[in-house]
N, C-alpha and C. Protein backbone atom coordinates (compact mmCIF):
# COMPACT_ATOMS: atom_id res chain seq x y z
N MET A 1 109.36 154.14 191.81
CA MET A 1 109.52 154.81 191.00
C MET A 1 110.38 156.18 191.95
N PRO A 2 112.14 155.67 191.64
CA PRO A 2 113.10 156.30 192.41
C PRO A 2 112.89 158.69 192.92
N ASN A 3 112.92 158.65 193.85
CA ASN A 3 113.03 160.10 193.61
C ASN A 3 113.90 161.05 193.38
N LEU A 4 113.15 161.76 192.30
CA LEU A 4 114.59 162.85 191.20
C LEU A 4 115.08 163.38 192.08
N PHE A 5 115.28 163.48 193.41
CA PHE A 5 115.41 165.02 193.70
C PHE A 5 115.60 164.04 195.62
N PRO A 6 116.62 162.99 195.38
CA PRO A 6 116.43 162.55 196.68
C PRO A 6 117.65 164.31 197.67
N ASP A 7 117.21 163.48 199.09
CA ASP A 7 117.96 164.43 200.13
C ASP A 7 119.04 164.00 200.90
N SER A 8 120.22 162.24 200.94
CA SER A 8 120.68 162.73 201.11
C SER A 8 121.86 163.12 200.11
N ASP A 9 123.37 163.15 200.08
CA ASP A 9 124.87 162.91 198.96
C ASP A 9 124.90 161.82 198.80
N TYR A 10 124.55 161.40 197.67
CA TYR A 10 125.56 160.45 197.17
C TYR A 10 126.00 160.33 196.68
N THR A 11 127.46 159.53 196.89
CA THR A 11 129.16 159.79 196.51
C THR A 11 129.61 158.76 195.23
N ASN A 12 128.85 157.67 195.91
CA ASN A 12 128.64 156.07 194.86
C ASN A 12 129.55 156.65 193.82
N ASP A 13 130.43 157.02 193.08
CA ASP A 13 130.58 157.51 192.18
C ASP A 13 131.09 156.22 190.81
N THR A 14 130.41 156.14 189.93
CA THR A 14 131.19 154.59 189.27
C THR A 14 131.49 155.24 188.15
N THR A 15 131.86 156.97 187.67
CA THR A 15 132.89 157.58 186.80
C THR A 15 134.17 158.15 186.94
N SER A 16 135.29 157.85 186.49
CA SER A 16 136.35 158.05 186.72
C SER A 16 136.28 159.50 186.44
N SER A 17 136.91 160.97 187.71
CA SER A 17 137.35 161.75 187.74
C SER A 17 138.48 162.69 186.90
N SER A 18 139.04 161.36 186.96
CA SER A 18 140.55 162.19 185.88
C SER A 18 140.79 161.79 185.11
N THR A 19 141.23 162.48 184.15
CA THR A 19 141.24 162.81 182.38
C THR A 19 142.61 163.34 182.11
N SER A 20 143.39 162.52 181.76
CA SER A 20 144.22 162.27 181.45
C SER A 20 144.48 162.37 179.83
N THR A 21 145.69 163.38 179.15
CA THR A 21 145.87 163.92 177.89
C THR A 21 147.03 163.10 177.02
N THR A 22 147.23 163.60 176.36
CA THR A 22 148.21 162.77 175.58
C THR A 22 150.07 163.48 175.66
N SER A 23 149.57 164.82 176.13
CA SER A 23 150.94 166.30 176.13
C SER A 23 150.85 166.07 177.88
N GLY A 24 149.95 165.24 178.16
CA GLY A 24 151.13 165.04 180.09
C GLY A 24 150.05 166.59 181.07
N ASN A 25 149.79 167.72 180.15
CA ASN A 25 148.77 168.84 180.84
C ASN A 25 147.18 168.37 180.79
N ASN A 26 146.36 169.50 181.42
CA ASN A 26 145.69 168.91 181.57
C ASN A 26 144.87 169.78 180.60
N SER A 27 145.64 170.57 179.51
CA SER A 27 145.04 171.99 178.81
C SER A 27 144.06 171.02 177.74
N ASP A 28 143.69 169.60 177.61
CA ASP A 28 142.21 169.45 177.05
C ASP A 28 140.90 168.61 177.17
N ALA A 29 141.37 168.79 178.91
CA ALA A 29 140.07 169.10 179.93
C ALA A 29 138.80 170.02 179.20
N GLY A 30 138.53 169.56 178.52
CA GLY A 30 137.36 170.02 178.85
C GLY A 30 137.30 169.75 177.49
N TYR A 31 137.43 169.84 175.90
CA TYR A 31 137.56 170.12 175.05
C TYR A 31 136.52 169.22 174.25
N LYS A 32 135.83 169.75 173.33
CA LYS A 32 134.09 168.70 172.85
C LYS A 32 134.66 168.69 171.89
N GLY A 33 135.97 168.71 171.54
CA GLY A 33 136.08 168.80 169.82
C GLY A 33 135.30 170.06 167.72
N SER A 34 136.04 169.25 167.81
CA SER A 34 135.35 170.70 166.66
C SER A 34 136.02 169.61 165.50
N TYR A 35 135.42 170.53 164.25
CA TYR A 35 135.18 170.04 162.87
C TYR A 35 136.35 170.73 162.44
N LYS A 36 137.32 170.02 161.30
CA LYS A 36 138.17 170.89 160.15
C LYS A 36 137.19 171.14 159.34
N PHE A 37 137.86 172.97 159.17
CA PHE A 37 136.94 173.61 157.75
C PHE A 37 138.20 174.01 157.04
N ASP A 38 137.89 174.01 155.56
CA ASP A 38 139.28 174.67 154.63
C ASP A 38 138.20 175.69 154.47
N PHE A 39 139.37 177.16 155.28
CA PHE A 39 138.11 178.79 154.69
C PHE A 39 138.57 178.99 153.09
N ASN A 40 139.96 178.62 152.03
CA ASN A 40 140.33 178.65 150.97
C ASN A 40 139.04 178.19 149.46
N LYS A 41 138.05 176.54 150.52
CA LYS A 41 137.58 175.59 149.30
C LYS A 41 135.48 175.84 150.68
N GLY A 42 136.06 177.08 151.99
CA GLY A 42 134.22 177.15 152.16
C GLY A 42 133.84 175.58 152.48
N GLU A 43 134.50 174.88 153.35
CA GLU A 43 133.98 173.63 153.00
C GLU A 43 134.61 173.10 154.28
N PHE A 44 133.85 171.68 154.52
CA PHE A 44 135.19 170.91 156.20
C PHE A 44 134.94 169.64 154.96
N VAL A 45 136.43 169.65 155.61
CA VAL A 45 137.13 168.85 156.03
C VAL A 45 136.33 166.85 155.70
N ARG A 46 136.49 165.84 154.87
CA ARG A 46 136.23 165.24 154.80
C ARG A 46 137.76 163.81 154.86
N ASN A 47 137.91 162.58 155.56
CA ASN A 47 138.08 161.64 155.63
C ASN A 47 137.91 161.17 154.53
N PRO A 48 139.59 160.31 154.58
CA PRO A 48 138.25 159.73 153.09
C PRO A 48 137.88 157.80 153.16
N ASP A 49 136.65 158.08 154.22
CA ASP A 49 136.01 157.43 154.33
C ASP A 49 134.80 158.43 154.91
N GLY A 50 135.40 159.35 154.21
CA GLY A 50 133.75 159.87 154.18
C GLY A 50 132.82 160.61 154.94
N THR A 51 133.35 160.76 156.23
CA THR A 51 133.28 161.16 157.31
C THR A 51 133.85 162.60 157.62
N LEU A 52 133.70 163.34 158.63
CA LEU A 52 133.95 164.71 158.82
C LEU A 52 134.50 165.27 159.26
N ALA A 53 135.57 165.52 158.48
CA ALA A 53 138.48 164.77 159.80
C ALA A 53 137.66 165.76 161.26
N ARG A 54 137.60 165.08 162.86
CA ARG A 54 137.54 166.14 163.31
C ARG A 54 139.06 166.99 163.83
N CYS A 55 139.68 168.29 164.58
CA CYS A 55 140.99 168.81 164.63
C CYS A 55 141.06 168.60 165.90
N ASN A 56 142.21 168.18 166.44
CA ASN A 56 142.93 168.40 168.35
C ASN A 56 142.33 170.52 168.48
N ARG A 57 142.65 170.27 169.86
CA ARG A 57 142.91 171.46 170.41
C ARG A 57 143.14 172.68 170.32
N LEU A 58 144.06 172.53 169.24
CA LEU A 58 145.31 173.85 169.28
C LEU A 58 144.70 174.36 168.20
N GLU A 59 144.00 173.06 166.57
CA GLU A 59 143.93 173.74 165.35
C GLU A 59 142.24 173.86 165.48
N ALA A 60 141.75 173.50 166.19
CA ALA A 60 139.86 174.28 166.85
C ALA A 60 140.63 175.33 166.65
N TYR A 61 141.36 175.99 167.81
CA TYR A 61 141.56 176.71 167.98
C TYR A 61 141.80 178.13 166.60
N GLU A 62 142.39 177.41 166.62
CA GLU A 62 143.08 178.07 164.83
C GLU A 62 141.96 178.86 164.13
N GLN A 63 141.05 177.16 164.03
CA GLN A 63 139.76 177.91 163.42
C GLN A 63 139.43 179.10 163.56
N TRP A 64 139.25 179.34 164.89
CA TRP A 64 138.23 179.97 165.54
C TRP A 64 138.84 181.14 165.16
N CYS A 65 140.77 181.69 165.41
CA CYS A 65 140.31 183.01 165.48
C CYS A 65 140.55 183.55 163.68
N ASN A 66 140.81 182.31 162.24
CA ASN A 66 140.77 182.49 160.92
C ASN A 66 138.92 183.14 161.04
N LYS A 67 138.05 182.22 161.49
CA LYS A 67 136.64 182.87 161.41
C LYS A 67 136.38 183.62 162.83
N ALA A 68 136.93 184.62 162.94
CA ALA A 68 137.15 185.22 163.88
C ALA A 68 137.39 186.86 163.17
N MET A 69 138.34 186.34 163.00
CA MET A 69 138.94 187.73 161.55
C MET A 69 138.07 187.52 161.00
N ASN A 70 137.06 186.73 160.35
CA ASN A 70 136.39 187.13 159.12
C ASN A 70 134.86 188.11 159.04
N THR A 71 134.63 187.93 160.28
CA THR A 71 133.36 188.47 160.79
C THR A 71 133.66 189.42 161.21
N PRO A 72 132.91 189.98 160.19
CA PRO A 72 132.12 191.55 161.46
C PRO A 72 132.13 191.73 162.25
N VAL A 73 132.42 192.86 163.17
CA VAL A 73 131.08 192.61 164.15
C VAL A 73 129.43 193.47 163.24
N GLY A 74 129.21 192.48 164.64
CA GLY A 74 127.25 192.95 164.02
C GLY A 74 126.95 192.43 163.48
N PHE A 75 126.93 191.03 163.50
CA PHE A 75 126.46 189.71 162.44
C PHE A 75 125.74 189.06 163.41
N ARG A 76 123.74 189.08 163.88
CA ARG A 76 123.55 189.04 164.91
C ARG A 76 123.07 187.55 165.61
N ALA A 77 124.14 187.20 165.29
CA ALA A 77 124.43 185.16 165.32
C ALA A 77 124.54 185.72 166.66
N TYR A 78 126.39 186.77 167.03
CA TYR A 78 126.84 186.22 167.52
C TYR A 78 126.73 187.35 168.57
N SER A 79 127.54 188.00 169.58
CA SER A 79 127.74 188.89 171.03
C SER A 79 128.53 190.51 169.94
N ARG A 80 128.01 191.38 170.86
CA ARG A 80 129.56 192.00 169.90
C ARG A 80 130.30 192.09 170.45
N LEU A 81 131.48 190.97 170.80
CA LEU A 81 132.20 189.92 171.46
C LEU A 81 133.15 189.76 170.31
N TYR A 82 132.31 189.40 169.44
CA TYR A 82 133.42 188.54 168.56
C TYR A 82 133.10 189.00 166.88
N GLY A 83 134.03 189.22 165.98
CA GLY A 83 134.54 189.76 164.69
C GLY A 83 135.80 190.76 165.10
N HIS A 84 135.25 191.14 164.19
CA HIS A 84 136.65 192.26 163.27
C HIS A 84 136.30 193.65 163.71
N GLU A 85 136.64 194.74 163.20
CA GLU A 85 136.33 195.81 163.08
C GLU A 85 137.00 196.12 161.62
N LEU A 86 137.66 195.78 160.87
CA LEU A 86 138.38 196.23 160.04
C LEU A 86 137.89 197.55 158.75
N ASP A 87 136.67 197.19 158.77
CA ASP A 87 135.23 197.22 157.96
C ASP A 87 135.62 198.79 157.90
N THR A 88 135.99 199.44 159.92
CA THR A 88 135.28 200.93 159.18
C THR A 88 136.27 201.69 158.09
N LEU A 89 138.44 200.92 158.55
CA LEU A 89 139.13 201.15 157.88
C LEU A 89 138.95 201.87 156.69
N SER A 90 137.79 201.49 155.56
CA SER A 90 137.73 201.87 154.26
C SER A 90 137.74 202.86 154.10
N ASP A 91 138.53 203.54 152.61
CA ASP A 91 138.38 204.98 152.40
C ASP A 91 138.57 205.59 153.24
N SER A 92 139.26 204.66 154.68
CA SER A 92 140.38 206.24 155.52
C SER A 92 140.82 207.46 154.84
N LEU A 93 140.76 207.86 155.22
CA LEU A 93 142.34 209.59 155.49
C LEU A 93 143.15 209.39 155.89
N TYR A 94 143.38 208.04 157.45
CA TYR A 94 144.33 208.36 157.89
C TYR A 94 145.60 207.53 156.81
N SER A 95 146.33 207.81 157.84
CA SER A 95 148.07 207.83 157.16
C SER A 95 148.79 205.86 157.13
N ARG A 96 149.35 205.80 156.02
CA ARG A 96 149.36 204.22 156.83
C ARG A 96 150.11 203.71 157.68
N GLU A 97 150.83 204.27 158.71
CA GLU A 97 151.26 203.76 159.87
C GLU A 97 150.02 204.14 160.71
N ALA A 98 148.83 204.96 160.93
CA ALA A 98 148.19 204.79 161.94
C ALA A 98 147.21 203.89 160.76
N ILE A 99 147.03 203.65 159.99
CA ILE A 99 146.15 202.56 159.54
C ILE A 99 146.95 201.36 160.18
N GLU A 100 147.91 200.63 160.19
CA GLU A 100 148.46 199.86 160.72
C GLU A 100 148.48 199.53 161.93
N LEU A 101 148.67 200.98 163.01
CA LEU A 101 148.94 200.91 164.47
C LEU A 101 147.17 200.33 164.76
N GLU A 102 145.92 200.36 163.92
CA GLU A 102 144.55 200.97 164.24
C GLU A 102 144.46 199.27 164.22
N VAL A 103 144.93 198.54 162.12
CA VAL A 103 144.82 197.27 162.44
C VAL A 103 144.98 196.04 163.42
N LYS A 104 146.58 196.45 163.80
CA LYS A 104 147.42 195.93 165.11
C LYS A 104 145.96 195.44 166.61
N ARG A 105 145.33 197.15 167.17
CA ARG A 105 143.96 196.17 167.96
C ARG A 105 143.21 196.22 167.56
N MET A 106 142.59 196.19 166.33
CA MET A 106 141.72 195.92 166.34
C MET A 106 141.66 194.16 166.05
N THR A 107 143.07 193.49 165.35
CA THR A 107 142.84 192.35 164.93
C THR A 107 143.47 191.92 166.88
N THR A 108 144.60 192.62 167.79
CA THR A 108 144.80 192.07 168.53
C THR A 108 143.06 191.71 169.80
N ASP A 109 142.92 193.53 169.64
CA ASP A 109 141.42 192.57 170.70
C ASP A 109 139.70 192.01 170.28
N THR A 110 139.72 191.60 168.70
CA THR A 110 139.78 190.42 167.85
C THR A 110 139.48 189.27 169.12
N LEU A 111 140.95 189.60 168.43
CA LEU A 111 141.88 187.14 168.74
C LEU A 111 141.77 187.52 170.67
N ILE A 112 141.60 188.26 171.60
CA ILE A 112 142.20 188.11 173.13
C ILE A 112 140.54 188.23 173.49
N VAL A 113 140.06 188.03 173.13
CA VAL A 113 138.95 187.76 174.28
C VAL A 113 138.88 186.19 174.02
N HIS A 114 138.85 185.42 172.83
CA HIS A 114 139.14 184.02 173.41
C HIS A 114 140.36 183.50 174.61
N PRO A 115 139.71 182.63 175.99
CA PRO A 115 140.33 182.41 176.99
C PRO A 115 142.04 181.50 176.67
N MET A 116 141.69 180.98 175.44
CA MET A 116 143.04 180.56 175.46
C MET A 116 144.37 181.06 174.40
N THR A 117 143.77 182.46 174.09
CA THR A 117 144.59 183.59 173.93
C THR A 117 145.08 184.57 174.89
N LYS A 118 147.49 184.47 175.20
CA LYS A 118 148.14 185.41 175.88
C LYS A 118 148.69 186.91 174.47
N ASP A 119 148.56 185.95 173.73
CA ASP A 119 149.27 187.44 172.90
C ASP A 119 148.72 187.74 171.99
N VAL A 120 149.01 188.53 171.42
CA VAL A 120 149.33 188.99 169.40
C VAL A 120 151.04 189.58 168.88
N LYS A 121 150.67 189.34 168.04
CA LYS A 121 152.55 190.08 168.59
C LYS A 121 153.12 189.70 166.80
N ASP A 122 154.14 190.73 166.29
CA ASP A 122 154.61 190.48 165.51
C ASP A 122 154.10 190.22 164.20
N PHE A 123 153.36 191.52 163.84
CA PHE A 123 153.12 192.10 163.41
C PHE A 123 154.43 192.38 161.98
N ALA A 124 153.79 191.90 160.43
CA ALA A 124 154.28 192.67 159.04
C ALA A 124 153.12 192.39 158.26
N PHE A 125 153.49 194.07 157.45
CA PHE A 125 153.22 194.87 156.45
C PHE A 125 152.60 194.71 155.26
N THR A 126 152.33 194.37 154.49
CA THR A 126 152.10 194.56 153.05
C THR A 126 150.98 195.25 152.46
N TRP A 127 151.54 197.05 151.35
CA TRP A 127 150.32 197.54 151.51
C TRP A 127 150.54 197.35 149.75
N GLN A 128 149.48 197.09 149.05
CA GLN A 128 149.63 196.94 147.32
C GLN A 128 149.01 198.32 147.02
N ASN A 129 149.14 198.14 145.58
CA ASN A 129 148.15 199.50 144.02
C ASN A 129 147.19 200.13 145.33
N ASN A 130 145.90 198.75 144.86
CA ASN A 130 144.78 198.98 145.33
C ASN A 130 144.30 198.82 146.23
N GLY A 131 144.98 199.84 147.02
CA GLY A 131 144.35 199.56 148.72
C GLY A 131 144.39 198.65 149.39
N GLU A 132 144.74 197.52 148.99
CA GLU A 132 144.68 196.07 150.57
C GLU A 132 145.83 196.54 151.05
N LEU A 133 145.61 195.63 152.14
CA LEU A 133 146.68 196.27 152.85
C LEU A 133 146.66 194.60 153.34
N TYR A 134 147.84 193.66 153.29
CA TYR A 134 148.83 192.35 153.32
C TYR A 134 148.31 192.94 154.68
N TYR A 135 148.54 191.62 155.89
CA TYR A 135 149.54 191.45 156.99
C TYR A 135 149.80 190.07 157.55
N ASP A 136 150.99 189.67 158.03
CA ASP A 136 151.37 188.43 159.00
C ASP A 136 151.06 188.36 160.46
N TYR A 137 150.32 188.16 161.00
CA TYR A 137 151.18 188.59 163.12
C TYR A 137 151.60 187.14 163.05
N THR A 138 151.55 186.30 164.84
CA THR A 138 151.71 185.75 165.80
C THR A 138 150.85 185.61 166.63
N VAL A 139 149.97 184.07 166.91
CA VAL A 139 149.68 184.34 168.31
C VAL A 139 150.05 183.33 169.13
N ILE A 140 150.04 183.61 170.03
CA ILE A 140 150.66 182.91 171.53
C ILE A 140 149.75 182.12 172.50
N THR A 141 149.63 180.96 172.51
CA THR A 141 147.50 180.61 173.20
C THR A 141 148.38 180.42 174.57
N VAL A 142 147.41 180.65 175.64
CA VAL A 142 148.33 180.11 176.89
C VAL A 142 148.76 179.15 177.63
N ASP A 143 149.48 178.25 176.95
CA ASP A 143 150.17 177.29 176.85
C ASP A 143 151.38 176.95 175.73
N GLU A 144 152.29 178.38 175.31
CA GLU A 144 153.08 179.07 174.98
C GLU A 144 153.22 177.90 173.12
N GLU A 145 151.85 177.85 172.64
CA GLU A 145 152.24 177.31 171.53
C GLU A 145 152.04 178.61 170.61
N SER A 146 152.36 178.16 169.10
CA SER A 146 152.05 179.95 168.98
C SER A 146 151.91 179.93 167.07
N ILE A 147 150.88 180.08 166.69
CA ILE A 147 150.31 179.95 165.48
C ILE A 147 150.02 181.72 164.70
N ASP A 148 151.48 180.74 163.00
CA ASP A 148 150.93 181.98 163.10
C ASP A 148 150.03 181.79 161.20
N MET A 149 149.49 183.90 161.28
CA MET A 149 148.73 183.51 160.71
C MET A 149 149.01 185.12 159.02
N ASN A 150 147.77 185.42 159.16
CA ASN A 150 148.15 186.17 158.25
C ASN A 150 146.46 186.71 157.62
N ASN A 151 145.95 188.07 157.65
CA ASN A 151 144.32 188.34 157.32
C ASN A 151 145.07 189.21 155.62
N THR A 152 143.64 190.07 155.20
CA THR A 152 143.83 191.10 153.91
C THR A 152 143.15 192.66 154.43
N THR A 153 143.02 193.17 154.20
CA THR A 153 142.01 194.11 154.35
C THR A 153 142.24 194.85 153.29
N LYS A 154 140.84 195.91 153.53
CA LYS A 154 140.83 196.75 152.19
C LYS A 154 140.43 197.90 153.16
N VAL A 155 141.41 199.00 152.87
CA VAL A 155 141.75 199.83 153.08
C VAL A 155 141.50 201.46 152.74
N GLY A 156 141.93 201.39 151.06
CA GLY A 156 141.33 202.53 150.27
C GLY A 156 141.45 202.35 149.19
């Protein structure tokens, strides 16, 4: 029976250690893959043959952003670093300008914890009479790719 913990440094590696990507950089090195999820339907996307559709690294990151922005902080399944605090703004007595500043801060704080996030910017706000706030923003990745996103929150 071979020794499970040999004393020598065995360096005869038969696997290739180089990783190639289609984009020419190593941004996908270490990416393990993810399945596409339709947040509007609440279900995974399927291929025509019935298998689950896979997404590339950027699509997976966008899905992570969507999921983080749809998850309030405090779910036991996640650490305190995951999720948003937007529910603390409901029934607030702050001015619209103050609420918009807090939404910017909370959204940025939620997304900046991911290592692919470089910046969150270009916020645009639309207020509804029923107290809902719709907002659009752009997430910039460390690879300088931009993702346009939108969310809504109830503030009054």
